[in-house]
Each structure stands twice: as C-alpha cells, then as structure tokens.
C-alpha cells in the first residue's frame, strides 16, 4: 500500500495534526509536506516505525501515554 496513504490514514485514525505527525517521527513539518506532495520519499526508518504503529496499535498507544 502507498506510504502516503498509510500516513494520511494514520493521521486521521488518531485525529492528529501534521505537526504532531512530524514530531512523532522526529521530522520537520517541511519534510512531511514534501512527502505528501511527492517531492521527497518517506525515509525507510519512518516507514518502518509507521508500519509498527499501524500493525501494532498498542505500541502507538503506549507511546502516546509515555509522552
């Protein structure tokens, strides 16, 4: 599945802002906007973390509680 679509669905599922998404993945807002526009690829480390959060929602929920 397209990583951009996964990222959008992740954002919507947890009702996050793009700024929060950028913070979660340790990236800048500018980078996230470039991913969404297709001008830049999503880094492999971010893709792996996104897959972990999607495949194992309890991991993301634990992350949110720890913040």
PDB file of N, CA and C in Angstrom:
ATOM      1  N   UNK A   1       0.850  -1.186   0.000  1.00  0.00           N
ATOM      2  CA  UNK A   1       0.000   0.000   0.000  1.00  0.00           C
ATOM      3  C   UNK A   1       0.893   1.247   0.000  1.00  0.00           C
ATOM      4  N   UNK A   2       0.415   2.263  -0.607  1.00  0.00           N
ATOM      5  CA  UNK A   2       1.145   3.523  -0.720  1.00  0.00           C
ATOM      6  C   UNK A   2       1.414   4.124   0.670  1.00  0.00           C
ATOM      7  N   UNK A   3       2.674   4.469   0.922  1.00  0.00           N
ATOM      8  CA  UNK A   3       3.046   5.003   2.242  1.00  0.00           C
ATOM      9  C   UNK A   3       2.360   6.322   2.558  1.00  0.00           C
ATOM     10  N   UNK A   4       2.139   7.135   1.547  1.00  0.00           N
ATOM     11  CA  UNK A   4       1.473   8.423   1.779  1.00  0.00           C
ATOM     12  C   UNK A   4       0.045   8.186   2.251  1.00  0.00           C
ATOM     13  N   UNK A   5      -0.622   7.223   1.633  1.00  0.00           N
ATOM     14  CA  UNK A   5      -1.980   6.884   2.051  1.00  0.00           C
ATOM     15  C   UNK A   5      -1.975   6.323   3.475  1.00  0.00           C
ATOM     16  N   UNK A   6      -0.995   5.482   3.785  1.00  0.00           N
ATOM     17  CA  UNK A   6      -0.878   4.954   5.150  1.00  0.00           C
ATOM     18  C   UNK A   6      -0.693   6.084   6.155  1.00  0.00           C
ATOM     19  N   UNK A   7       0.146   7.044   5.795  1.00  0.00           N
ATOM     20  CA  UNK A   7       0.409   8.178   6.679  1.00  0.00           C
ATOM     21  C   UNK A   7      -0.856   9.009   6.892  1.00  0.00           C
ATOM     22  N   UNK A   8      -1.589   9.255   5.822  1.00  0.00           N
ATOM     23  CA  UNK A   8      -2.848  10.015   5.939  1.00  0.00           C
ATOM     24  C   UNK A   8      -3.857   9.270   6.812  1.00  0.00           C
ATOM     25  N   UNK A   9      -3.981   7.958   6.594  1.00  0.00           N
ATOM     26  CA  UNK A   9      -4.918   7.160   7.389  1.00  0.00           C
ATOM     27  C   UNK A   9      -4.516   7.131   8.863  1.00  0.00           C
ATOM     28  N   UNK A  10      -3.215   7.040   9.119  1.00  0.00           N
ATOM     29  CA  UNK A  10      -2.704   7.061  10.492  1.00  0.00           C
ATOM     30  C   UNK A  10      -3.081   8.374  11.168  1.00  0.00           C
ATOM     31  N   UNK A  11      -2.868   9.476  10.465  1.00  0.00           N
ATOM     32  CA  UNK A  11      -3.195  10.806  10.990  1.00  0.00           C
ATOM     33  C   UNK A  11      -4.684  10.905  11.322  1.00  0.00           C
ATOM     34  N   UNK A  12      -5.525  10.437  10.396  1.00  0.00           N
ATOM     35  CA  UNK A  12      -6.974  10.526  10.594  1.00  0.00           C
ATOM     36  C   UNK A  12      -7.453   9.600  11.713  1.00  0.00           C
ATOM     37  N   UNK A  13      -6.900   8.386  11.765  1.00  0.00           N
ATOM     38  CA  UNK A  13      -7.330   7.412  12.773  1.00  0.00           C
ATOM     39  C   UNK A  13      -7.140   7.946  14.189  1.00  0.00           C
ATOM     40  N   UNK A  14      -6.019   8.619  14.415  1.00  0.00           N
ATOM     41  CA  UNK A  14      -5.709   9.117  15.759  1.00  0.00           C
ATOM     42  C   UNK A  14      -5.997  10.609  15.923  1.00  0.00           C
ATOM     43  N   UNK A  15      -6.624  11.210  14.914  1.00  0.00           N
ATOM     44  CA  UNK A  15      -7.017  12.614  14.967  1.00  0.00           C
ATOM     45  C   UNK A  15      -5.820  13.515  15.312  1.00  0.00           C
ATOM     46  N   UNK A  16      -4.743  13.363  14.535  1.00  0.00           N
ATOM     47  CA  UNK A  16      -3.507  14.110  14.764  1.00  0.00           C
ATOM     48  C   UNK A  16      -3.383  15.261  13.773  1.00  0.00           C
ATOM     49  N   UNK A  17      -2.615  16.256  14.142  1.00  0.00           N
ATOM     50  CA  UNK A  17      -2.265  17.318  13.191  1.00  0.00           C
ATOM     51  C   UNK A  17      -0.994  16.881  12.469  1.00  0.00           C
ATOM     52  N   UNK A  18      -0.703  17.527  11.343  1.00  0.00           N
ATOM     53  CA  UNK A  18       0.533  17.197  10.626  1.00  0.00           C
ATOM     54  C   UNK A  18       1.755  17.566  11.467  1.00  0.00           C
ATOM     55  N   UNK A  19       1.637  18.607  12.268  1.00  0.00           N
ATOM     56  CA  UNK A  19       2.748  18.986  13.151  1.00  0.00           C
ATOM     57  C   UNK A  19       3.017  17.883  14.175  1.00  0.00           C
ATOM     58  N   UNK A  20       1.961  17.281  14.689  1.00  0.00           N
ATOM     59  CA  UNK A  20       2.112  16.184  15.641  1.00  0.00           C
ATOM     60  C   UNK A  20       2.726  14.969  14.964  1.00  0.00           C
ATOM     61  N   UNK A  21       2.283  14.681  13.745  1.00  0.00           N
ATOM     62  CA  UNK A  21       2.853  13.561  12.983  1.00  0.00           C
ATOM     63  C   UNK A  21       4.348  13.781  12.788  1.00  0.00           C
ATOM     64  N   UNK A  22       4.721  14.995  12.405  1.00  0.00           N
ATOM     65  CA  UNK A  22       6.139  15.317  12.211  1.00  0.00           C
ATOM     66  C   UNK A  22       6.917  15.094  13.507  1.00  0.00           C
ATOM     67  N   UNK A  23       6.359  15.521  14.612  1.00  0.00           N
ATOM     68  CA  UNK A  23       7.014  15.367  15.913  1.00  0.00           C
ATOM     69  C   UNK A  23       7.160  13.897  16.301  1.00  0.00           C
ATOM     70  N   UNK A  24       6.129  13.109  16.078  1.00  0.00           N
ATOM     71  CA  UNK A  24       6.161  11.683  16.416  1.00  0.00           C
ATOM     72  C   UNK A  24       7.301  10.975  15.695  1.00  0.00           C
ATOM     73  N   UNK A  25       7.484  11.323  14.427  1.00  0.00           N
ATOM     74  CA  UNK A  25       8.503  10.655  13.621  1.00  0.00           C
ATOM     75  C   UNK A  25       9.846  11.387  13.632  1.00  0.00           C
ATOM     76  N   UNK A  26       9.936  12.455  14.420  1.00  0.00           N
ATOM     77  CA  UNK A  26      11.199  13.174  14.550  1.00  0.00           C
ATOM     78  C   UNK A  26      11.627  13.880  13.283  1.00  0.00           C
ATOM     79  N   UNK A  27      10.659  14.376  12.534  1.00  0.00           N
ATOM     80  CA  UNK A  27      10.933  15.059  11.269  1.00  0.00           C
ATOM     81  C   UNK A  27      10.362  16.468  11.328  1.00  0.00           C
ATOM     82  N   UNK A  28      10.748  17.294  10.370  1.00  0.00           N
ATOM     83  CA  UNK A  28      10.228  18.664  10.319  1.00  0.00           C
ATOM     84  C   UNK A  28       8.906  18.689   9.554  1.00  0.00           C
ATOM     85  N   UNK A  29       8.139  19.726   9.798  1.00  0.00           N
ATOM     86  CA  UNK A  29       6.885  19.915   9.053  1.00  0.00           C
ATOM     87  C   UNK A  29       7.171  20.007   7.563  1.00  0.00           C
ATOM     88  N   UNK A  30       8.247  20.680   7.217  1.00  0.00           N
ATOM     89  CA  UNK A  30       8.628  20.835   5.816  1.00  0.00           C
ATOM     90  C   UNK A  30       8.836  19.473   5.157  1.00  0.00           C
ATOM     91  N   UNK A  31       9.503  18.572   5.854  1.00  0.00           N
ATOM     92  CA  UNK A  31       9.730  17.224   5.312  1.00  0.00           C
ATOM     93  C   UNK A  31       8.416  16.492   5.094  1.00  0.00           C
ATOM     94  N   UNK A  32       7.533  16.569   6.075  1.00  0.00           N
ATOM     95  CA  UNK A  32       6.239  15.890   5.959  1.00  0.00           C
ATOM     96  C   UNK A  32       5.454  16.447   4.775  1.00  0.00           C
ATOM     97  N   UNK A  33       5.453  17.752   4.609  1.00  0.00           N
ATOM     98  CA  UNK A  33       4.740  18.358   3.482  1.00  0.00           C
ATOM     99  C   UNK A  33       5.356  17.928   2.147  1.00  0.00           C
ATOM    100  N   UNK A  34       6.674  17.766   2.120  1.00  0.00           N
ATOM    101  CA  UNK A  34       7.328  17.303   0.893  1.00  0.00           C
ATOM    102  C   UNK A  34       6.984  15.848   0.604  1.00  0.00           C
ATOM    103  N   UNK A  35       6.814  15.033   1.641  1.00  0.00           N
ATOM    104  CA  UNK A  35       6.380  13.647   1.419  1.00  0.00           C
ATOM    105  C   UNK A  35       5.001  13.640   0.792  1.00  0.00           C
ATOM    106  N   UNK A  36       4.104  14.446   1.364  1.00  0.00           N
ATOM    107  CA  UNK A  36       2.716  14.452   0.902  1.00  0.00           C
ATOM    108  C   UNK A  36       2.592  14.936  -0.534  1.00  0.00           C
ATOM    109  N   UNK A  37       3.455  15.860  -0.923  1.00  0.00           N
ATOM    110  CA  UNK A  37       3.395  16.399  -2.285  1.00  0.00           C
ATOM    111  C   UNK A  37       4.156  15.524  -3.276  1.00  0.00           C
ATOM    112  N   UNK A  38       4.865  14.520  -2.768  1.00  0.00           N
ATOM    113  CA  UNK A  38       5.603  13.626  -3.647  1.00  0.00           C
ATOM    114  C   UNK A  38       6.970  14.139  -4.056  1.00  0.00           C
ATOM    115  N   UNK A  39       7.397  15.252  -3.485  1.00  0.00           N
ATOM    116  CA  UNK A  39       8.708  15.809  -3.828  1.00  0.00           C
ATOM    117  C   UNK A  39       9.841  15.121  -3.085  1.00  0.00           C
ATOM    118  N   UNK A  40       9.500  14.345  -2.078  1.00  0.00           N
ATOM    119  CA  UNK A  40      10.517  13.671  -1.278  1.00  0.00           C
ATOM    120  C   UNK A  40       9.967  12.326  -0.818  1.00  0.00           C
ATOM    121  N   UNK A  41      10.822  11.320  -0.808  1.00  0.00           N
ATOM    122  CA  UNK A  41      10.409   9.999  -0.341  1.00  0.00           C
ATOM    123  C   UNK A  41      10.402   9.957   1.184  1.00  0.00           C
ATOM    124  N   UNK A  42       9.516   9.144   1.719  1.00  0.00           N
ATOM    125  CA  UNK A  42       9.476   8.951   3.165  1.00  0.00           C
ATOM    126  C   UNK A  42      10.676   8.073   3.536  1.00  0.00           C
ATOM    127  N   UNK A  43      11.512   8.507   4.481  1.00  0.00           N
ATOM    128  CA  UNK A  43      12.695   7.722   4.859  1.00  0.00           C
ATOM    129  C   UNK A  43      12.316   6.322   5.357  1.00  0.00           C
ATOM    130  N   UNK A  44      13.201   5.370   5.133  1.00  0.00           N
ATOM    131  CA  UNK A  44      12.907   3.979   5.497  1.00  0.00           C
ATOM    132  C   UNK A  44      12.666   3.820   7.003  1.00  0.00           C
ATOM    133  N   UNK A  45      13.389   4.562   7.832  1.00  0.00           N
ATOM    134  CA  UNK A  45      13.181   4.447   9.282  1.00  0.00           C
ATOM    135  C   UNK A  45      11.779   4.920   9.669  1.00  0.00           C
ATOM    136  N   UNK A  46      11.298   5.954   9.000  1.00  0.00           N
ATOM    137  CA  UNK A  46       9.949   6.458   9.263  1.00  0.00           C
ATOM    138  C   UNK A  46       8.909   5.464   8.764  1.00  0.00           C
ATOM    139  N   UNK A  47       9.155   4.877   7.595  1.00  0.00           N
ATOM    140  CA  UNK A  47       8.226   3.873   7.059  1.00  0.00           C
ATOM    141  C   UNK A  47       8.130   2.674   7.998  1.00  0.00           C
ATOM    142  N   UNK A  48       9.271   2.236   8.534  1.00  0.00           N
ATOM    143  CA  UNK A  48       9.265   1.089   9.459  1.00  0.00           C
ATOM    144  C   UNK A  48       8.484   1.412  10.727  1.00  0.00           C
ATOM    145  N   UNK A  49       8.719   2.590  11.293  1.00  0.00           N
ATOM    146  CA  UNK A  49       8.008   2.984  12.507  1.00  0.00           C
ATOM    147  C   UNK A  49       6.509   3.123  12.241  1.00  0.00           C
ATOM    148  N   UNK A  50       6.152   3.678  11.102  1.00  0.00           N
ATOM    149  CA  UNK A  50       4.740   3.806  10.725  1.00  0.00           C
ATOM    150  C   UNK A  50       4.093   2.424  10.644  1.00  0.00           C
ATOM    151  N   UNK A  51       4.788   1.461  10.013  1.00  0.00           N
ATOM    152  CA  UNK A  51       4.250   0.095   9.900  1.00  0.00           C
ATOM    153  C   UNK A  51       4.064  -0.524  11.284  1.00  0.00           C
ATOM    154  N   UNK A  52       5.011  -0.291  12.185  1.00  0.00           N
ATOM    155  CA  UNK A  52       4.884  -0.826  13.549  1.00  0.00           C
ATOM    156  C   UNK A  52       3.658  -0.230  14.225  1.00  0.00           C
ATOM    157  N   UNK A  53       3.488   1.084  14.119  1.00  0.00           N
ATOM    158  CA  UNK A  53       2.338   1.745  14.743  1.00  0.00           C
ATOM    159  C   UNK A  53       1.021   1.270  14.143  1.00  0.00           C
ATOM    160  N   UNK A  54       1.000   0.999  12.841  1.00  0.00           N
ATOM    161  CA  UNK A  54      -0.231   0.549  12.185  1.00  0.00           C
ATOM    162  C   UNK A  54      -0.522  -0.914  12.525  1.00  0.00           C
ATOM    163  N   UNK A  55       0.507  -1.756  12.453  1.00  0.00           N
ATOM    164  CA  UNK A  55       0.318  -3.189  12.694  1.00  0.00           C
ATOM    165  C   UNK A  55       0.093  -3.519  14.164  1.00  0.00           C
ATOM    166  N   UNK A  56       0.601  -2.676  15.054  1.00  0.00           N
ATOM    167  CA  UNK A  56       0.506  -2.924  16.497  1.00  0.00           C
ATOM    168  C   UNK A  56       0.043  -1.643  17.195  1.00  0.00           C
ATOM    169  N   UNK A  57      -1.255  -1.345  17.131  1.00  0.00           N
ATOM    170  CA  UNK A  57      -1.769  -0.095  17.713  1.00  0.00           C
ATOM    171  C   UNK A  57      -1.426   0.076  19.191  1.00  0.00           C
ATOM    172  N   UNK A  58      -1.265  -1.033  19.911  1.00  0.00           N
ATOM    173  CA  UNK A  58      -0.932  -0.923  21.333  1.00  0.00           C
ATOM    174  C   UNK A  58       0.428  -0.264  21.532  1.00  0.00           C
ATOM    175  N   UNK A  59       1.334  -0.425  20.571  1.00  0.00           N
ATOM    176  CA  UNK A  59       2.646   0.222  20.664  1.00  0.00           C
ATOM    177  C   UNK A  59       2.481   1.736  20.572  1.00  0.00           C
ATOM    178  N   UNK A  60       1.650   2.187  19.613  1.00  0.00           N
ATOM    179  CA  UNK A  60       1.429   3.629  19.483  1.00  0.00           C
ATOM    180  C   UNK A  60       0.710   4.174  20.709  1.00  0.00           C
ATOM    181  N   UNK A  61      -0.262   3.439  21.215  1.00  0.00           N
ATOM    182  CA  UNK A  61      -0.978   3.901  22.410  1.00  0.00           C
ATOM    183  C   UNK A  61      -0.033   4.016  23.603  1.00  0.00           C
ATOM    184  N   UNK A  62       0.905   3.083  23.732  1.00  0.00           N
ATOM    185  CA  UNK A  62       1.906   3.161  24.802  1.00  0.00           C
ATOM    186  C   UNK A  62       2.803   4.374  24.603  1.00  0.00           C
ATOM    187  N   UNK A  63       3.163   4.632  23.348  1.00  0.00           N
ATOM    188  CA  UNK A  63       3.988   5.801  23.026  1.00  0.00           C
ATOM    189  C   UNK A  63       3.264   7.080  23.442  1.00  0.00           C
ATOM    190  N   UNK A  64       1.976   7.163  23.115  1.00  0.00           N
ATOM    191  CA  UNK A  64       1.201   8.365  23.450  1.00  0.00           C
ATOM    192  C   UNK A  64       1.089   8.552  24.955  1.00  0.00           C
ATOM    193  N   UNK A  65       0.919   7.462  25.692  1.00  0.00           N
ATOM    194  CA  UNK A  65       0.811   7.562  27.149  1.00  0.00           C
ATOM    195  C   UNK A  65       2.130   7.994  27.773  1.00  0.00           C
ATOM    196  N   UNK A  66       3.240   7.625  27.147  1.00  0.00           N
ATOM    197  CA  UNK A  66       4.553   7.965  27.675  1.00  0.00           C
ATOM    198  C   UNK A  66       4.953   9.399  27.429  1.00  0.00           C
ATOM    199  N   UNK A  67       4.255  10.091  26.549  1.00  0.00           N
ATOM    200  CA  UNK A  67       4.601  11.483  26.203  1.00  0.00           C
ATOM    201  C   UNK A  67       4.194  12.421  27.306  1.00  0.00           C
TER     202      UNK A  67
END
